[in-house]
Amino acid sequence: METRRLILRPFESEDAEAAFVWFGDPIVMRFTPAGPDTSIEQTKARLANYQVHQTEHGFSKWIVLDRHLGRPIGDSGLVVLQENGWVDLGFRFAQPYWGKGLATEVASAWVRAAFDDFHIGRLTAIVHPENLASIRILEKLGFLTERRDTIAGMKSIVFSLRANDGETDSCFHHRMSIDWTRGDLHEGLRCFHSGAFFEAHEHWESVWLMAEEPEKTFLQGLIQVAAAFHHFQRGNCAGTISLLRSALRRLDGYAPAFAGIAVEPLCTTIRLWLEALETVSQSPPPPLPQLNTRTRRSAGNLYVVPPGATSRGSAASVGRPLRVSFGRVTVVASVVPIDTPLMYVVTQIVKPVSVGRIEAYWLGPALPTPGVIGKVLGRSISPRVD
């Protein structure tokens, strides 16, 4: 069995020495009732039991290999608990591989295999109450708390997940709905808007691994946007351009709003960035993109126009690229968001705002404060609101 980053296969006797690295680690085995293996002989006996289980059931705990290096890094799989007949999901990794989303990736693969390949109707997972990382993974996969109990002498929480009446894992797919208000999607969004693009990419990737089309390609586009701006932060202009182009190809095929995200303004911003990066110019880059995840109207947008312009901003002009120069200051934008990621078309122009020779038009139900305008223009100003 393979995932994007991992290869899973049944244990072989020759794996004992490599597996002892994590089976003998007291920290890795902290939440295992029997504790760590104290010798490689114990690990050999453990693997022998897994091999017997594999022969009897067609599945067991399998070794997990790094797909690119072929290096053993952990184990995961399904085990039938003899005392009650439960099919129990488990996963663990050597310490250097923690915090990379690998446990979510491998657990997701086993859930799909359990329901689709082995036609198992119900999975359990027994977790120590202090094993918060594993609890988060199970909740992310849709497992529900069934009860608290003492199992094999260890205080435990029993989680369970059922297949959809013995059919496919469609129930599992349904639980993977796009919800930006919690979990890794929410954390990724928070990181993205705070400029922590690498962390946003990591959070979203764990969701992408479990998603189905058409959400899967859409999430991949967002991941590439986050990765692009991570490269930009590191000064890799070529990488930024390549990733933004790839993201735009994926996102352009979606509706103006999809999976809770305003796609159209995001694509507009990506085009502005590509134009700025691919053109030799002294102009500053456009504002970083914002991801709208709400459905209500924006509090307003600041639409900047050059001094002396005869055309006044209107709802029809929202979203169109605009390059405006004010001496040394150049603004490349369509609609610049104010204190909110929302980028909806607002149909009313309230009043012009004068900032020295810079004239701007505020689109929205209320006038902006001087501090808000200063935030958008990137400098400390005291504008006069006419």
Protein backbone atom coordinates (compact mmCIF):
# COMPACT_ATOMS: atom_id res chain seq x y z
CA MET A 1 0.00 0.00 0.00
CA GLU A 2 1.31 3.45 -0.89
CA THR A 3 0.48 7.05 -0.07
CA ARG A 4 2.02 10.22 -1.41
CA ARG A 5 4.99 10.06 0.96
CA LEU A 6 4.92 6.55 2.35
CA ILE A 7 5.10 2.86 1.46
CA LEU A 8 3.41 0.32 3.74
CA ARG A 9 4.09 -3.42 3.64
CA PRO A 10 3.84 -6.40 6.01
CA PHE A 11 6.72 -6.85 8.43
CA GLU A 12 9.52 -9.25 7.58
CA SER A 13 11.92 -10.88 10.06
CA GLU A 14 14.78 -8.76 8.71
CA ASP A 15 12.98 -5.58 9.86
CA ALA A 16 13.59 -6.23 13.55
CA GLU A 17 16.77 -4.18 13.93
CA ALA A 18 15.30 -1.13 12.18
CA ALA A 19 11.98 -1.42 14.06
CA PHE A 20 13.70 -1.64 17.45
CA VAL A 21 14.58 2.06 16.99
CA TRP A 22 11.00 3.05 17.80
CA PHE A 23 9.71 -0.07 19.59
CA GLY A 24 12.57 0.35 22.09
CA ASP A 25 12.07 4.10 22.52
CA PRO A 26 10.38 4.87 25.90
CA ILE A 27 9.01 8.17 24.56
CA VAL A 28 7.47 6.63 21.44
CA MET A 29 6.02 3.75 23.49
CA ARG A 30 4.90 5.92 26.40
CA PHE A 31 1.19 5.32 25.78
CA THR A 32 1.50 1.60 24.99
CA PRO A 33 0.34 -0.63 27.89
CA ALA A 34 3.31 -3.02 27.66
CA GLY A 35 5.84 -0.18 27.37
CA PRO A 36 8.97 -0.23 25.20
CA ASP A 37 10.79 -3.35 24.07
CA THR A 38 13.87 -3.83 26.22
CA SER A 39 15.76 -5.98 23.70
CA ILE A 40 15.80 -6.69 20.01
CA GLU A 41 14.61 -10.22 20.86
CA GLN A 42 11.37 -8.70 22.13
CA THR A 43 10.98 -6.83 18.89
CA LYS A 44 11.57 -10.04 16.90
CA ALA A 45 8.83 -11.75 18.92
CA ARG A 46 6.51 -8.81 18.31
CA LEU A 47 7.09 -8.98 14.56
CA ALA A 48 6.52 -12.72 14.57
CA ASN A 49 3.10 -12.15 16.14
CA TYR A 50 2.29 -9.55 13.48
CA GLN A 51 3.24 -12.05 10.77
CA VAL A 52 0.92 -14.71 12.25
CA HIS A 53 -1.88 -12.14 12.38
CA GLN A 54 -1.20 -11.24 8.74
CA THR A 55 -1.54 -14.87 7.69
CA GLU A 56 -4.81 -15.30 9.60
CA HIS A 57 -6.56 -12.07 8.65
CA GLY A 58 -4.86 -10.64 5.58
CA PHE A 59 -3.87 -7.49 7.46
CA SER A 60 -1.84 -6.62 10.54
CA LYS A 61 0.56 -3.97 11.76
CA TRP A 62 2.78 -3.10 8.79
CA ILE A 63 6.10 -1.34 8.58
CA VAL A 64 6.04 2.21 7.21
CA LEU A 65 8.83 3.30 4.85
CA ASP A 66 9.79 6.75 3.64
CA ARG A 67 8.76 6.56 -0.01
CA HIS A 68 11.71 8.55 -1.34
CA LEU A 69 14.49 7.04 0.78
CA GLY A 70 13.09 3.58 1.45
CA ARG A 71 13.97 4.06 5.12
CA PRO A 72 11.83 2.40 7.87
CA ILE A 73 10.26 5.15 10.00
CA GLY A 74 7.37 3.56 11.89
CA ASP A 75 4.52 1.08 11.88
CA SER A 76 0.76 1.22 11.48
CA GLY A 77 -2.15 -1.03 10.70
CA LEU A 78 -5.13 -3.01 11.93
CA VAL A 79 -5.20 -5.68 14.63
CA VAL A 80 -8.12 -7.87 15.71
CA LEU A 81 -8.46 -7.75 19.50
CA GLN A 82 -9.17 -11.34 20.54
CA GLU A 83 -11.04 -10.49 23.75
CA ASN A 84 -13.85 -8.60 22.00
CA GLY A 85 -13.36 -9.00 18.26
CA TRP A 86 -12.74 -5.30 17.64
CA VAL A 87 -10.56 -4.30 14.69
CA ASP A 88 -8.23 -1.72 16.16
CA LEU A 89 -6.35 0.98 14.25
CA GLY A 90 -2.87 1.94 15.42
CA PHE A 91 0.06 4.04 14.22
CA ARG A 92 3.39 5.22 15.58
CA PHE A 93 6.54 6.82 14.18
CA ALA A 94 10.13 7.26 15.26
CA GLN A 95 10.58 10.67 16.91
CA PRO A 96 12.33 12.44 13.99
CA TYR A 97 9.16 11.94 11.93
CA TRP A 98 6.69 13.51 14.34
CA GLY A 99 4.83 16.68 13.42
CA LYS A 100 4.95 16.14 9.65
CA GLY A 101 1.39 14.95 9.07
CA LEU A 102 2.57 11.38 8.42
CA ALA A 103 0.34 9.81 11.06
CA THR A 104 -2.73 11.42 9.52
CA GLU A 105 -1.62 10.27 6.08
CA VAL A 106 -1.10 6.65 7.11
CA ALA A 107 -4.19 6.45 9.32
CA SER A 108 -6.33 7.80 6.48
CA ALA A 109 -4.95 5.12 4.15
CA TRP A 110 -5.81 2.36 6.62
CA VAL A 111 -9.36 3.64 7.14
CA ARG A 112 -9.97 3.55 3.39
CA ALA A 113 -8.44 0.08 3.13
CA ALA A 114 -10.51 -1.19 6.06
CA PHE A 115 -13.81 -0.09 4.56
CA ASP A 116 -13.15 -0.56 0.85
CA ASP A 117 -10.69 -3.47 0.64
CA PHE A 118 -11.28 -5.54 3.78
CA HIS A 119 -15.01 -4.67 4.11
CA ILE A 120 -14.71 -4.10 7.84
CA GLY A 121 -17.88 -2.58 9.27
CA ARG A 122 -16.43 -0.85 12.32
CA LEU A 123 -13.01 0.33 13.43
CA THR A 124 -11.88 1.17 16.93
CA ALA A 125 -8.89 3.05 18.24
CA ILE A 126 -7.84 2.84 21.88
CA VAL A 127 -5.97 5.92 23.07
CA HIS A 128 -4.54 7.10 26.36
CA PRO A 129 -6.33 10.32 27.48
CA GLU A 130 -3.03 12.23 27.49
CA ASN A 131 -2.13 11.21 23.93
CA LEU A 132 -3.53 14.41 22.50
CA ALA A 133 -1.78 14.14 19.13
CA SER A 134 -3.43 10.80 18.36
CA ILE A 135 -6.79 12.04 19.61
CA ARG A 136 -6.64 15.00 17.21
CA ILE A 137 -5.83 12.69 14.30
CA LEU A 138 -8.74 10.36 15.09
CA GLU A 139 -11.17 13.26 15.43
CA LYS A 140 -9.92 14.63 12.12
CA LEU A 141 -10.71 11.28 10.50
CA GLY A 142 -14.23 11.31 11.90
CA PHE A 143 -13.81 8.89 14.81
CA LEU A 144 -16.25 9.45 17.66
CA THR A 145 -15.67 8.92 21.37
CA GLU A 146 -17.48 5.76 22.42
CA ARG A 147 -16.52 5.46 26.06
CA ARG A 148 -13.74 5.66 28.65
CA ASP A 149 -12.44 2.41 30.03
CA THR A 150 -9.42 0.64 31.48
CA ILE A 151 -7.94 -1.65 28.84
CA ALA A 152 -4.87 -3.83 29.39
CA GLY A 153 -4.31 -1.96 32.63
CA MET A 154 -4.23 1.45 30.93
CA LYS A 155 -6.75 4.26 31.26
CA SER A 156 -8.15 4.62 27.76
CA ILE A 157 -10.61 6.37 25.52
CA VAL A 158 -12.29 4.09 23.01
CA PHE A 159 -12.94 5.76 19.66
CA SER A 160 -14.91 4.16 16.85
CA LEU A 161 -15.76 4.77 13.20
CA ARG A 162 -18.35 2.83 11.22
CA ALA A 163 -18.59 2.11 7.52
CA ASN A 164 -21.77 3.12 5.72
CA ASP A 165 -23.84 -0.08 6.06
CA GLY A 166 -21.07 -2.22 4.68
CA GLU A 167 -20.80 -0.27 1.42
CA THR A 168 -17.79 1.88 0.54
CA ASP A 169 -16.15 4.48 2.73
CA SER A 170 -18.63 7.10 1.51
CA CYS A 171 -19.46 7.82 5.14
CA PHE A 172 -15.78 8.53 5.70
CA HIS A 173 -15.70 10.81 2.65
CA HIS A 174 -18.72 12.68 3.96
CA ARG A 175 -16.92 13.38 7.22
CA MET A 176 -14.10 14.99 5.25
CA SER A 177 -16.30 17.97 4.26
CA ILE A 178 -14.55 21.31 3.85
CA ASP A 179 -15.01 23.23 7.10
CA TRP A 180 -12.84 26.33 7.54
CA THR A 181 -14.01 26.99 11.09
CA ARG A 182 -12.04 24.24 12.82
CA GLY A 183 -9.19 21.77 12.57
CA ASP A 184 -6.32 22.01 10.12
CA LEU A 185 -8.26 24.08 7.61
CA HIS A 186 -8.88 26.75 10.25
CA GLU A 187 -5.32 26.63 11.57
CA GLY A 188 -3.96 26.82 8.03
CA LEU A 189 -6.14 29.82 7.29
CA ARG A 190 -4.94 31.56 10.44
CA CYS A 191 -1.31 30.86 9.49
CA PHE A 192 -1.88 32.05 5.91
CA HIS A 193 -3.31 35.39 6.99
CA SER A 194 -0.49 35.89 9.50
CA GLY A 195 2.18 35.27 6.85
CA ALA A 196 3.19 31.83 8.14
CA PHE A 197 2.84 30.30 4.68
CA PHE A 198 4.90 27.16 5.26
CA GLU A 199 2.80 26.26 8.30
CA ALA A 200 -0.40 26.95 6.33
CA HIS A 201 0.82 24.60 3.61
CA GLU A 202 1.48 21.88 6.20
CA HIS A 203 -1.98 22.17 7.80
CA TRP A 204 -3.82 22.11 4.48
CA GLU A 205 -1.78 19.24 3.12
CA SER A 206 -3.04 16.91 5.84
CA VAL A 207 -6.62 17.68 4.76
CA TRP A 208 -5.76 17.43 1.06
CA LEU A 209 -4.50 13.88 1.58
CA MET A 210 -7.97 12.77 2.68
CA ALA A 211 -10.04 14.88 0.28
CA GLU A 212 -11.87 13.69 -2.83
CA GLU A 213 -12.42 15.51 -6.09
CA PRO A 214 -13.30 18.24 -6.84
CA GLU A 215 -12.16 19.52 -3.45
CA LYS A 216 -8.81 17.74 -3.72
CA THR A 217 -7.56 19.71 -6.73
CA PHE A 218 -8.95 22.92 -5.26
CA LEU A 219 -7.05 22.39 -2.00
CA GLN A 220 -3.93 21.58 -3.99
CA GLY A 221 -4.24 24.98 -5.65
CA LEU A 222 -4.47 26.72 -2.27
CA ILE A 223 -1.50 24.72 -1.00
CA GLN A 224 0.52 25.88 -4.00
CA VAL A 225 -0.43 29.51 -3.30
CA ALA A 226 0.84 29.15 0.27
CA ALA A 227 4.01 27.41 -0.91
CA ALA A 228 4.57 30.15 -3.51
CA PHE A 229 4.60 32.91 -0.92
CA HIS A 230 6.84 30.83 1.34
CA HIS A 231 9.32 30.79 -1.57
CA PHE A 232 8.83 34.53 -2.01
CA GLN A 233 9.71 35.10 1.64
CA ARG A 234 12.92 33.14 1.05
CA GLY A 235 13.81 35.21 -2.03
CA ASN A 236 13.09 32.46 -4.56
CA CYS A 237 11.33 34.46 -7.30
CA ALA A 238 11.47 31.68 -9.90
CA GLY A 239 9.87 29.20 -7.49
CA THR A 240 7.18 31.73 -6.61
CA ILE A 241 6.28 32.27 -10.26
CA SER A 242 6.22 28.54 -11.05
CA LEU A 243 3.95 27.71 -8.10
CA LEU A 244 1.60 30.64 -8.72
CA ARG A 245 1.20 29.63 -12.37
CA SER A 246 0.42 26.07 -11.33
CA ALA A 247 -2.04 27.25 -8.66
CA LEU A 248 -3.79 29.52 -11.14
CA ARG A 249 -4.23 26.67 -13.62
CA ARG A 250 -5.96 24.64 -10.92
CA LEU A 251 -8.09 27.40 -9.41
CA ASP A 252 -9.19 29.03 -12.67
CA GLY A 253 -11.52 26.15 -13.47
CA TYR A 254 -13.65 26.63 -10.36
CA ALA A 255 -16.72 28.78 -9.80
CA PRO A 256 -16.25 32.35 -8.47
CA ALA A 257 -16.98 30.93 -5.02
CA PHE A 258 -16.17 27.31 -4.17
CA ALA A 259 -15.86 25.32 -0.94
CA GLY A 260 -16.34 28.46 1.13
CA ILE A 261 -13.62 30.46 -0.64
CA ALA A 262 -14.05 33.49 -2.92
CA VAL A 263 -12.04 32.14 -5.85
CA GLU A 264 -12.38 35.02 -8.31
CA PRO A 265 -10.61 37.71 -6.26
CA LEU A 266 -7.94 35.21 -5.27
CA CYS A 267 -7.20 34.46 -8.95
CA THR A 268 -7.15 38.21 -9.66
CA THR A 269 -4.53 38.71 -6.98
CA ILE A 270 -2.44 35.82 -8.30
CA ARG A 271 -2.46 37.39 -11.78
CA LEU A 272 -1.35 40.72 -10.31
CA TRP A 273 1.53 39.00 -8.54
CA LEU A 274 2.57 37.18 -11.70
CA GLU A 275 2.48 40.46 -13.62
CA ALA A 276 4.58 42.19 -10.97
CA LEU A 277 7.11 39.34 -10.68
CA GLU A 278 7.50 38.84 -14.42
CA THR A 279 7.89 42.55 -15.20
CA VAL A 280 11.09 44.48 -14.54
CA SER A 281 9.75 47.26 -12.36
CA GLN A 282 10.65 49.33 -9.35
CA SER A 283 7.08 49.08 -8.11
CA PRO A 284 6.37 47.35 -4.83
CA PRO A 285 4.55 44.01 -5.07
CA PRO A 286 0.75 43.85 -4.78
CA PRO A 287 -0.89 43.17 -1.43
CA LEU A 288 -0.74 39.55 -0.34
CA PRO A 289 -3.87 37.55 -1.17
CA GLN A 290 -6.60 37.04 1.38
CA LEU A 291 -8.91 34.04 1.49
CA ASN A 292 -12.55 34.88 2.04
CA THR A 293 -14.34 32.15 3.97
CA ARG A 294 -17.52 33.94 4.99
CA THR A 295 -20.77 34.62 3.21
CA ARG A 296 -21.70 38.02 4.56
CA ARG A 297 -20.91 41.32 2.88
CA SER A 298 -17.58 42.97 3.49
CA ALA A 299 -17.36 45.94 5.84
CA GLY A 300 -15.92 47.85 2.89
CA ASN A 301 -13.04 48.10 0.46
CA LEU A 302 -10.68 50.92 -0.37
CA TYR A 303 -10.48 51.60 -4.10
CA VAL A 304 -7.49 53.80 -4.90
CA VAL A 305 -7.57 56.02 -8.02
CA PRO A 306 -4.93 58.45 -9.36
CA PRO A 307 -5.19 62.22 -8.77
CA GLY A 308 -7.19 63.97 -11.44
CA ALA A 309 -8.85 60.83 -12.69
CA THR A 310 -12.16 61.61 -14.38
CA SER A 311 -13.54 58.10 -13.89
CA ARG A 312 -15.01 57.42 -10.50
CA GLY A 313 -14.85 53.96 -8.97
CA SER A 314 -17.97 51.85 -9.30
CA ALA A 315 -19.11 48.35 -8.53
CA ALA A 316 -18.35 47.39 -12.11
CA SER A 317 -14.69 48.27 -11.64
CA VAL A 318 -14.24 46.12 -8.57
CA GLY A 319 -11.86 43.27 -9.29
CA ARG A 320 -10.18 44.84 -12.31
CA PRO A 321 -6.41 45.25 -12.07
CA LEU A 322 -5.30 48.84 -11.45
CA ARG A 323 -1.82 50.35 -11.41
CA VAL A 324 -1.67 53.77 -9.76
CA SER A 325 1.47 55.86 -9.17
CA PHE A 326 1.78 58.70 -6.68
CA GLY A 327 5.33 59.96 -6.97
CA ARG A 328 7.41 57.21 -5.38
CA VAL A 329 4.38 55.26 -4.25
CA THR A 330 2.86 52.76 -6.66
CA VAL A 331 -0.23 50.74 -5.88
CA VAL A 332 -0.97 47.66 -7.97
CA ALA A 333 -4.33 46.34 -6.92
CA SER A 334 -7.90 45.72 -7.81
CA VAL A 335 -9.80 46.07 -4.55
CA VAL A 336 -7.65 46.24 -1.43
CA PRO A 337 -9.26 44.50 1.57
CA ILE A 338 -9.61 46.45 4.81
CA ASP A 339 -9.24 44.64 8.14
CA THR A 340 -11.02 41.60 6.73
CA PRO A 341 -10.27 38.91 4.18
CA LEU A 342 -13.57 39.55 2.42
CA MET A 343 -13.52 40.73 -1.19
CA TYR A 344 -17.15 40.98 -2.20
CA VAL A 345 -18.50 43.51 -4.68
CA VAL A 346 -20.13 46.35 -2.77
CA THR A 347 -22.56 48.34 -4.87
CA GLN A 348 -22.39 51.72 -3.17
CA ILE A 349 -19.64 54.34 -3.22
CA VAL A 350 -20.00 56.29 -0.01
CA LYS A 351 -17.62 59.25 -0.11
CA PRO A 352 -14.18 60.17 -1.45
CA VAL A 353 -11.29 60.21 0.98
CA SER A 354 -8.39 62.62 0.44
CA VAL A 355 -4.88 61.68 1.53
CA GLY A 356 -2.69 64.52 0.37
CA ARG A 357 -2.61 64.16 -3.41
CA ILE A 358 -3.86 60.58 -3.14
CA GLU A 359 -7.56 60.26 -3.78
CA ALA A 360 -9.34 57.10 -2.77
CA TYR A 361 -12.90 55.90 -2.85
CA TRP A 362 -14.38 53.87 -0.07
CA LEU A 363 -16.80 51.15 -1.15
CA GLY A 364 -19.03 50.02 1.66
CA PRO A 365 -21.64 50.99 4.20
CA ALA A 366 -19.36 53.00 6.48
CA LEU A 367 -16.42 55.38 6.15
CA PRO A 368 -12.99 54.00 7.07
CA THR A 369 -10.95 55.36 9.91
CA PRO A 370 -7.61 57.11 9.26
CA GLY A 371 -5.78 54.21 10.87
CA VAL A 372 -7.38 51.72 8.52
CA ILE A 373 -6.44 53.77 5.45
CA GLY A 374 -2.90 54.07 6.74
CA LYS A 375 -2.73 50.30 7.11
CA VAL A 376 -3.72 49.80 3.47
CA LEU A 377 -1.34 52.38 2.05
CA GLY A 378 1.48 50.99 4.19
CA ARG A 379 2.49 54.17 5.97
CA SER A 380 1.49 56.40 8.85
CA ILE A 381 -0.89 59.09 7.59
CA SER A 382 -3.56 61.41 8.92
CA PRO A 383 -6.06 61.72 6.08
CA ARG A 384 -8.97 64.11 5.93
CA VAL A 385 -12.38 62.53 5.39
CA ASP A 386 -14.50 64.96 3.32
